[in-house]
Amino acid sequence: QEVAFVPGDAFFPNGGVENALRLNYSNMPEERIR
């Protein structure tokens, strides 16, 4: 659907979290975020 995120499991040092994600919103125009 032409949208992406970073799977969040890489941000948990002990692992085990497969249902998290990280979104980039710091350098996107507001309309693209919507």
All heavy atoms as atom14 arrays in JSON, in Angstrom:
{
  "sequence": "QEVAFVPGDAFFPNGGVENALRLNYSNMPEERIR",
  "atom14_mask": [
    [1, 1, 1, 1, 1, 1, 1, 1, 1, 0, 0, 0, 0, 0],
    [1, 1, 1, 1, 1, 1, 1, 1, 1, 0, 0, 0, 0, 0],
    [1, 1, 1, 1, 1, 1, 1, 0, 0, 0, 0, 0, 0, 0],
    [1, 1, 1, 1, 1, 0, 0, 0, 0, 0, 0, 0, 0, 0],
    [1, 1, 1, 1, 1, 1, 1, 1, 1, 1, 1, 0, 0, 0],
    [1, 1, 1, 1, 1, 1, 1, 0, 0, 0, 0, 0, 0, 0],
    [1, 1, 1, 1, 1, 1, 1, 0, 0, 0, 0, 0, 0, 0],
    [1, 1, 1, 1, 0, 0, 0, 0, 0, 0, 0, 0, 0, 0],
    [1, 1, 1, 1, 1, 1, 1, 1, 0, 0, 0, 0, 0, 0],
    [1, 1, 1, 1, 1, 0, 0, 0, 0, 0, 0, 0, 0, 0],
    [1, 1, 1, 1, 1, 1, 1, 1, 1, 1, 1, 0, 0, 0],
    [1, 1, 1, 1, 1, 1, 1, 1, 1, 1, 1, 0, 0, 0],
    [1, 1, 1, 1, 1, 1, 1, 0, 0, 0, 0, 0, 0, 0],
    [1, 1, 1, 1, 1, 1, 1, 1, 0, 0, 0, 0, 0, 0],
    [1, 1, 1, 1, 0, 0, 0, 0, 0, 0, 0, 0, 0, 0],
    [1, 1, 1, 1, 0, 0, 0, 0, 0, 0, 0, 0, 0, 0],
    [1, 1, 1, 1, 1, 1, 1, 0, 0, 0, 0, 0, 0, 0],
    [1, 1, 1, 1, 1, 1, 1, 1, 1, 0, 0, 0, 0, 0],
    [1, 1, 1, 1, 1, 1, 1, 1, 0, 0, 0, 0, 0, 0],
    [1, 1, 1, 1, 1, 0, 0, 0, 0, 0, 0, 0, 0, 0],
    [1, 1, 1, 1, 1, 1, 1, 1, 0, 0, 0, 0, 0, 0],
    [1, 1, 1, 1, 1, 1, 1, 1, 1, 1, 1, 0, 0, 0],
    [1, 1, 1, 1, 1, 1, 1, 1, 0, 0, 0, 0, 0, 0],
    [1, 1, 1, 1, 1, 1, 1, 1, 0, 0, 0, 0, 0, 0],
    [1, 1, 1, 1, 1, 1, 1, 1, 1, 1, 1, 1, 0, 0],
    [1, 1, 1, 1, 1, 1, 0, 0, 0, 0, 0, 0, 0, 0],
    [1, 1, 1, 1, 1, 1, 1, 1, 0, 0, 0, 0, 0, 0],
    [1, 1, 1, 1, 1, 1, 1, 1, 0, 0, 0, 0, 0, 0],
    [1, 1, 1, 1, 1, 1, 1, 0, 0, 0, 0, 0, 0, 0],
    [1, 1, 1, 1, 1, 1, 1, 1, 1, 0, 0, 0, 0, 0],
    [1, 1, 1, 1, 1, 1, 1, 1, 1, 0, 0, 0, 0, 0],
    [1, 1, 1, 1, 1, 1, 1, 1, 1, 1, 1, 0, 0, 0],
    [1, 1, 1, 1, 1, 1, 1, 1, 0, 0, 0, 0, 0, 0],
    [1, 1, 1, 1, 1, 1, 1, 1, 1, 1, 1, 0, 0, 0]
  ],
  "atom14_positions": [
    [[0.82, -1.22, 0.0], [0.0, 0.0, 0.0], [0.85, 1.27, 0.0], [0.36, 2.37, 0.27], [-0.96, -0.02, 1.2], [-1.95, -1.16, 1.09], [-3.04, -1.08, 2.12], [-3.46, 0.0, 2.52], [-3.54, -2.23, 2.54], [0.0, 0.0, 0.0], [0.0, 0.0, 0.0], [0.0, 0.0, 0.0], [0.0, 0.0, 0.0], [0.0, 0.0, 0.0]],
    [[2.14, 1.1, -0.26], [3.1, 2.21, -0.4], [3.23, 3.07, 0.85], [3.25, 4.3, 0.8], [2.76, 3.06, -1.61], [2.85, 2.27, -2.91], [2.61, 3.12, -4.13], [2.42, 4.34, -4.02], [2.6, 2.53, -5.23], [0.0, 0.0, 0.0], [0.0, 0.0, 0.0], [0.0, 0.0, 0.0], [0.0, 0.0, 0.0], [0.0, 0.0, 0.0]],
    [[3.33, 2.4, 1.98], [3.64, 3.06, 3.24], [4.59, 2.14, 4.01], [4.54, 0.93, 3.85], [2.36, 3.38, 4.06], [1.68, 2.13, 4.54], [2.66, 4.31, 5.21], [0.0, 0.0, 0.0], [0.0, 0.0, 0.0], [0.0, 0.0, 0.0], [0.0, 0.0, 0.0], [0.0, 0.0, 0.0], [0.0, 0.0, 0.0], [0.0, 0.0, 0.0]],
    [[5.48, 2.72, 4.8], [6.48, 1.9, 5.49], [6.67, 2.37, 6.93], [6.3, 3.48, 7.3], [7.81, 1.95, 4.75], [0.0, 0.0, 0.0], [0.0, 0.0, 0.0], [0.0, 0.0, 0.0], [0.0, 0.0, 0.0], [0.0, 0.0, 0.0], [0.0, 0.0, 0.0], [0.0, 0.0, 0.0], [0.0, 0.0, 0.0], [0.0, 0.0, 0.0]],
    [[7.23, 1.5, 7.72], [7.61, 1.78, 9.1], [8.76, 0.85, 9.44], [9.11, -0.03, 8.66], [6.42, 1.57, 10.06], [5.89, 0.18, 10.08], [6.49, -0.81, 10.84], [4.78, -0.16, 9.31], [6.0, -2.11, 10.84], [4.27, -1.44, 9.32], [4.89, -2.42, 10.08], [0.0, 0.0, 0.0], [0.0, 0.0, 0.0], [0.0, 0.0, 0.0]],
    [[9.33, 1.03, 10.6], [10.39, 0.14, 11.07], [9.77, -0.79, 12.11], [9.19, -0.32, 13.08], [11.56, 0.93, 11.69], [12.63, -0.01, 12.22], [12.14, 1.91, 10.7], [0.0, 0.0, 0.0], [0.0, 0.0, 0.0], [0.0, 0.0, 0.0], [0.0, 0.0, 0.0], [0.0, 0.0, 0.0], [0.0, 0.0, 0.0], [0.0, 0.0, 0.0]],
    [[9.85, -2.12, 11.89], [9.35, -3.04, 12.91], [10.04, -2.74, 14.25], [11.25, -2.54, 14.31], [9.72, -4.42, 12.38], [9.75, -4.23, 10.89], [10.32, -2.84, 10.71], [0.0, 0.0, 0.0], [0.0, 0.0, 0.0], [0.0, 0.0, 0.0], [0.0, 0.0, 0.0], [0.0, 0.0, 0.0], [0.0, 0.0, 0.0], [0.0, 0.0, 0.0]],
    [[9.26, -2.69, 15.31], [9.76, -2.26, 16.6], [10.59, -3.26, 17.37], [11.26, -2.9, 18.33], [0.0, 0.0, 0.0], [0.0, 0.0, 0.0], [0.0, 0.0, 0.0], [0.0, 0.0, 0.0], [0.0, 0.0, 0.0], [0.0, 0.0, 0.0], [0.0, 0.0, 0.0], [0.0, 0.0, 0.0], [0.0, 0.0, 0.0], [0.0, 0.0, 0.0]],
    [[10.59, -4.53, 16.95], [11.31, -5.54, 17.73], [12.79, -5.22, 17.87], [13.4, -5.56, 18.88], [11.08, -6.93, 17.16], [11.47, -7.07, 15.71], [11.48, -6.06, 14.98], [11.73, -8.21, 15.28], [0.0, 0.0, 0.0], [0.0, 0.0, 0.0], [0.0, 0.0, 0.0], [0.0, 0.0, 0.0], [0.0, 0.0, 0.0], [0.0, 0.0, 0.0]],
    [[13.36, -4.54, 16.89], [14.79, -4.2, 16.95], [15.11, -3.2, 18.06], [16.26, -3.05, 18.45], [15.25, -3.64, 15.61], [0.0, 0.0, 0.0], [0.0, 0.0, 0.0], [0.0, 0.0, 0.0], [0.0, 0.0, 0.0], [0.0, 0.0, 0.0], [0.0, 0.0, 0.0], [0.0, 0.0, 0.0], [0.0, 0.0, 0.0], [0.0, 0.0, 0.0]],
    [[14.11, -2.53, 18.59], [14.32, -1.5, 19.6], [14.12, -2.02, 21.02], [14.16, -1.25, 21.98], [13.39, -0.31, 19.32], [13.67, 0.31, 17.99], [12.94, -0.05, 16.87], [14.71, 1.22, 17.83], [13.21, 0.5, 15.63], [14.99, 1.78, 16.6], [14.23, 1.42, 15.5], [0.0, 0.0, 0.0], [0.0, 0.0, 0.0], [0.0, 0.0, 0.0]],
    [[13.91, -3.31, 21.17], [13.78, -3.93, 22.48], [15.0, -4.81, 22.71], [15.13, -5.86, 22.07], [12.48, -4.76, 22.57], [11.24, -3.92, 22.58], [10.66, -3.5, 21.39], [10.67, -3.53, 23.79], [9.52, -2.71, 21.4], [9.53, -2.75, 23.8], [8.95, -2.33, 22.61], [0.0, 0.0, 0.0], [0.0, 0.0, 0.0], [0.0, 0.0, 0.0]],
    [[15.92, -4.42, 23.57], [17.17, -5.16, 23.72], [17.0, -6.62, 24.14], [17.83, -7.45, 23.81], [17.94, -4.38, 24.79], [16.94, -3.53, 25.48], [15.82, -3.3, 24.49], [0.0, 0.0, 0.0], [0.0, 0.0, 0.0], [0.0, 0.0, 0.0], [0.0, 0.0, 0.0], [0.0, 0.0, 0.0], [0.0, 0.0, 0.0], [0.0, 0.0, 0.0]],
    [[15.93, -6.94, 24.82], [15.71, -8.32, 25.24], [14.79, -9.07, 24.29], [14.42, -10.22, 24.56], [15.14, -8.36, 26.67], [16.13, -7.81, 27.67], [17.33, -7.97, 27.51], [15.63, -7.14, 28.68], [0.0, 0.0, 0.0], [0.0, 0.0, 0.0], [0.0, 0.0, 0.0], [0.0, 0.0, 0.0], [0.0, 0.0, 0.0], [0.0, 0.0, 0.0]],
    [[14.36, -8.42, 23.21], [13.49, -9.07, 22.22], [12.13, -9.4, 22.77], [11.7, -8.89, 23.8], [0.0, 0.0, 0.0], [0.0, 0.0, 0.0], [0.0, 0.0, 0.0], [0.0, 0.0, 0.0], [0.0, 0.0, 0.0], [0.0, 0.0, 0.0], [0.0, 0.0, 0.0], [0.0, 0.0, 0.0], [0.0, 0.0, 0.0], [0.0, 0.0, 0.0]],
    [[11.44, -10.26, 22.04], [10.16, -10.76, 22.49], [8.96, -9.88, 22.22], [7.85, -10.23, 22.56], [0.0, 0.0, 0.0], [0.0, 0.0, 0.0], [0.0, 0.0, 0.0], [0.0, 0.0, 0.0], [0.0, 0.0, 0.0], [0.0, 0.0, 0.0], [0.0, 0.0, 0.0], [0.0, 0.0, 0.0], [0.0, 0.0, 0.0], [0.0, 0.0, 0.0]],
    [[9.16, -8.71, 21.6], [8.05, -7.82, 21.3], [7.89, -7.77, 19.78], [8.68, -7.15, 19.09], [8.28, -6.4, 21.87], [7.12, -5.49, 21.54], [8.51, -6.46, 23.36], [0.0, 0.0, 0.0], [0.0, 0.0, 0.0], [0.0, 0.0, 0.0], [0.0, 0.0, 0.0], [0.0, 0.0, 0.0], [0.0, 0.0, 0.0], [0.0, 0.0, 0.0]],
    [[6.88, -8.46, 19.29], [6.7, -8.56, 17.85], [5.56, -7.69, 17.34], [5.31, -7.62, 16.14], [6.44, -10.01, 17.45], [7.62, -10.91, 17.74], [7.37, -12.34, 17.33], [6.2, -12.75, 17.24], [8.36, -13.04, 17.1], [0.0, 0.0, 0.0], [0.0, 0.0, 0.0], [0.0, 0.0, 0.0], [0.0, 0.0, 0.0], [0.0, 0.0, 0.0]],
    [[4.85, -7.01, 18.22], [3.69, -6.23, 17.81], [3.9, -4.72, 17.99], [2.97, -3.98, 18.26], [2.44, -6.69, 18.57], [2.54, -6.42, 20.05], [3.62, -6.44, 20.62], [1.41, -6.17, 20.68], [0.0, 0.0, 0.0], [0.0, 0.0, 0.0], [0.0, 0.0, 0.0], [0.0, 0.0, 0.0], [0.0, 0.0, 0.0], [0.0, 0.0, 0.0]],
    [[5.12, -4.26, 17.82], [5.44, -2.84, 17.95], [6.02, -2.32, 16.64], [6.58, -3.08, 15.85], [6.44, -2.63, 19.08], [0.0, 0.0, 0.0], [0.0, 0.0, 0.0], [0.0, 0.0, 0.0], [0.0, 0.0, 0.0], [0.0, 0.0, 0.0], [0.0, 0.0, 0.0], [0.0, 0.0, 0.0], [0.0, 0.0, 0.0], [0.0, 0.0, 0.0]],
    [[5.88, -1.02, 16.44], [6.46, -0.41, 15.25], [6.9, 1.01, 15.56], [6.49, 1.59, 16.55], [5.46, -0.44, 14.08], [4.07, 0.15, 14.31], [4.04, 1.63, 14.03], [3.1, -0.57, 13.4], [0.0, 0.0, 0.0], [0.0, 0.0, 0.0], [0.0, 0.0, 0.0], [0.0, 0.0, 0.0], [0.0, 0.0, 0.0], [0.0, 0.0, 0.0]],
    [[7.77, 1.55, 14.7], [8.24, 2.92, 14.86], [7.89, 3.69, 13.61], [8.12, 3.22, 12.5], [9.74, 2.95, 15.11], [10.04, 2.22, 16.39], [11.24, 2.55, 17.12], [11.8, 3.85, 17.03], [12.42, 4.44, 18.04], [12.45, 3.84, 19.2], [12.98, 5.6, 17.9], [0.0, 0.0, 0.0], [0.0, 0.0, 0.0], [0.0, 0.0, 0.0]],
    [[7.33, 4.86, 13.79], [6.92, 5.71, 12.68], [7.83, 6.93, 12.59], [8.21, 7.5, 13.6], [5.48, 6.18, 12.88], [4.42, 5.1, 13.01], [3.08, 5.74, 13.36], [4.31, 4.31, 11.73], [0.0, 0.0, 0.0], [0.0, 0.0, 0.0], [0.0, 0.0, 0.0], [0.0, 0.0, 0.0], [0.0, 0.0, 0.0], [0.0, 0.0, 0.0]],
    [[8.13, 7.35, 11.37], [8.89, 8.56, 11.14], [7.91, 9.69, 10.86], [7.12, 9.61, 9.93], [9.83, 8.38, 9.96], [10.53, 9.67, 9.59], [10.51, 10.64, 10.32], [11.15, 9.67, 8.42], [0.0, 0.0, 0.0], [0.0, 0.0, 0.0], [0.0, 0.0, 0.0], [0.0, 0.0, 0.0], [0.0, 0.0, 0.0], [0.0, 0.0, 0.0]],
    [[7.96, 10.71, 11.66], [7.1, 11.87, 11.41], [7.88, 13.17, 11.53], [7.33, 14.24, 11.35], [5.9, 11.87, 12.38], [6.29, 11.82, 13.83], [6.59, 12.97, 14.53], [6.39, 10.6, 14.49], [6.97, 12.92, 15.86], [6.75, 10.54, 15.81], [7.04, 11.71, 16.5], [7.42, 11.64, 17.8], [0.0, 0.0, 0.0], [0.0, 0.0, 0.0]],
    [[9.17, 13.09, 11.79], [9.95, 14.31, 12.05], [10.33, 15.07, 10.78], [10.57, 16.26, 10.84], [11.21, 13.96, 12.84], [12.04, 13.1, 12.08], [0.0, 0.0, 0.0], [0.0, 0.0, 0.0], [0.0, 0.0, 0.0], [0.0, 0.0, 0.0], [0.0, 0.0, 0.0], [0.0, 0.0, 0.0], [0.0, 0.0, 0.0], [0.0, 0.0, 0.0]],
    [[10.36, 14.39, 9.64], [10.77, 15.11, 8.43], [9.78, 14.94, 7.28], [10.15, 15.07, 6.13], [12.18, 14.7, 8.0], [12.24, 13.27, 7.51], [11.28, 12.52, 7.61], [13.38, 12.88, 6.97], [0.0, 0.0, 0.0], [0.0, 0.0, 0.0], [0.0, 0.0, 0.0], [0.0, 0.0, 0.0], [0.0, 0.0, 0.0], [0.0, 0.0, 0.0]],
    [[8.55, 14.66, 7.62], [7.52, 14.49, 6.6], [6.54, 15.66, 6.67], [6.16, 16.09, 7.76], [6.73, 13.2, 6.83], [7.46, 11.95, 6.48], [7.53, 11.82, 4.69], [9.1, 11.02, 4.52], [0.0, 0.0, 0.0], [0.0, 0.0, 0.0], [0.0, 0.0, 0.0], [0.0, 0.0, 0.0], [0.0, 0.0, 0.0], [0.0, 0.0, 0.0]],
    [[6.1, 16.14, 5.52], [5.04, 17.16, 5.54], [3.76, 16.58, 6.13], [3.49, 15.38, 6.01], [4.84, 17.5, 4.06], [6.02, 16.95, 3.34], [6.56, 15.85, 4.18], [0.0, 0.0, 0.0], [0.0, 0.0, 0.0], [0.0, 0.0, 0.0], [0.0, 0.0, 0.0], [0.0, 0.0, 0.0], [0.0, 0.0, 0.0], [0.0, 0.0, 0.0]],
    [[2.97, 17.43, 6.74], [1.77, 16.98, 7.44], [0.83, 16.19, 6.53], [0.25, 15.18, 6.95], [1.05, 18.19, 8.03], [0.02, 17.84, 9.05], [-0.52, 19.05, 9.76], [0.28, 19.94, 10.13], [-1.74, 19.11, 9.95], [0.0, 0.0, 0.0], [0.0, 0.0, 0.0], [0.0, 0.0, 0.0], [0.0, 0.0, 0.0], [0.0, 0.0, 0.0]],
    [[0.66, 16.6, 5.31], [-0.26, 15.89, 4.4], [0.24, 14.48, 4.12], [-0.55, 13.54, 4.04], [-0.46, 16.66, 3.1], [-1.45, 16.01, 2.15], [-2.81, 15.7, 2.79], [-3.28, 16.45, 3.67], [-3.42, 14.69, 2.4], [0.0, 0.0, 0.0], [0.0, 0.0, 0.0], [0.0, 0.0, 0.0], [0.0, 0.0, 0.0], [0.0, 0.0, 0.0]],
    [[1.54, 14.29, 3.96], [2.08, 12.94, 3.73], [1.89, 12.07, 4.96], [1.67, 10.86, 4.84], [3.55, 13.01, 3.34], [3.71, 13.54, 1.92], [5.04, 13.28, 1.34], [5.26, 11.86, 1.15], [6.43, 11.32, 0.85], [7.49, 12.09, 0.69], [6.57, 10.04, 0.71], [0.0, 0.0, 0.0], [0.0, 0.0, 0.0], [0.0, 0.0, 0.0]],
    [[1.96, 12.67, 6.13], [1.71, 11.91, 7.36], [0.26, 11.43, 7.38], [-0.02, 10.26, 7.67], [2.02, 12.75, 8.61], [3.54, 13.01, 8.69], [1.52, 12.06, 9.88], [3.94, 14.02, 9.76], [0.0, 0.0, 0.0], [0.0, 0.0, 0.0], [0.0, 0.0, 0.0], [0.0, 0.0, 0.0], [0.0, 0.0, 0.0], [0.0, 0.0, 0.0]],
    [[-0.67, 12.31, 7.02], [-2.09, 11.92, 6.99], [-2.32, 10.77, 6.01], [-3.02, 9.8, 6.34], [-2.95, 13.12, 6.57], [-3.19, 14.11, 7.65], [-4.27, 15.11, 7.23], [-4.39, 16.13, 8.22], [-3.83, 17.34, 8.14], [-3.15, 17.68, 7.07], [-3.98, 18.2, 9.11], [0.0, 0.0, 0.0], [0.0, 0.0, 0.0], [0.0, 0.0, 0.0]]
  ]
}
